Amino acid sequence: MPRIPSALVLTLLAMAACNNHKEAEEPQPASTPTVPAIAYQVINVLPHDASSFTEGLEIHDSTLYESEGNYGESSLSAYRLSDGKLLTQKKLGSDFFGEGITVLGDRLYQLTYREHKVFVYHFPDLKPEKDMTWEHEGWGMTNDGTHLIADDGSSYIYFIDPATFKETNRVQVTDEHGPVDNINELEYVNGQLYANRWHTNTLYRIDPASGKVTGRADLGDLFAQTGQPFHPQEPGEDVLNGLAWSPQTQTLIVTGKHWPKAFQLKIF
């Protein structure tokens, strides 16, 4: 092995030291923060009509209001929460597919899927009052006490004037991976939005001002607790799709399409 001149050795060592110093000074990419998990506790199991293709859910006092979907089967129903007894039901025409509902003041609003119709009922007697037009597909709906809040299966959530059903604002739902599409059922809870994503059993918590996802929970094990096999005519549709907040008990009622049970949750 030939002898390397000492001057060359010193030069190489100096260059290596400079390179190491340069690499140490290069900024490292920041890690993307992970969305925290939503903690929850099941405090009660309630009956639910397993034939219902649940699209919207709302609770007032001891009554659970539900919008059921599918053409030829869509309706708006009221059930006694304690035992699931059907109290009243309004059938939609066979050319309408019922979607999300919400109660604001003395009116209940019900979206339709692709028909661009919003049905408005007097609340609580559910007497039909009028129809309005919505330019998007109808998926989930809730309200913040002033605005109606709806989505259309995209990553956007729309804030709506209840008198005209015209959009006043929108936010895009995003998490650490980017936009979150297929946002479906919505519920407004103490200044935050809760939502599920179509074809999943994931519960999302969303900041309504920014659209940022601030929490997630996998509720898939709740379906297993129903003891219900997947629906034979609609396999893969037996997913979470019903959120109703009870201010009196500070609990969230959740169910899904064709679930024979609903679950009362404390969320943390």
Foldseek 3Di string as FASTA:
>chain_A
DDDDDPVVVVVVVVVVVVVVVVVVPDDDDDDQDAFAAWDKDFDDKWFDALQFQFAEWADDDQKIWTFGFDQPATWIWIARGHHRHTDDIGDDHNVWTWHYWEDADQWIWIFTFPPQKIWIAGPPVRHTDDIAGHPAGFFAWYDDNQWIWTDRQAQKIFTAHPVHRDTDDMAGAAESVGTDGQWGYWYQAPQWIWTDHALAQKIWIARRVHNYTNYIYHPVVVLVVLVDDADPVDGSQQYKRYWYADPVVRWIWTGRRSRRMITTMRID
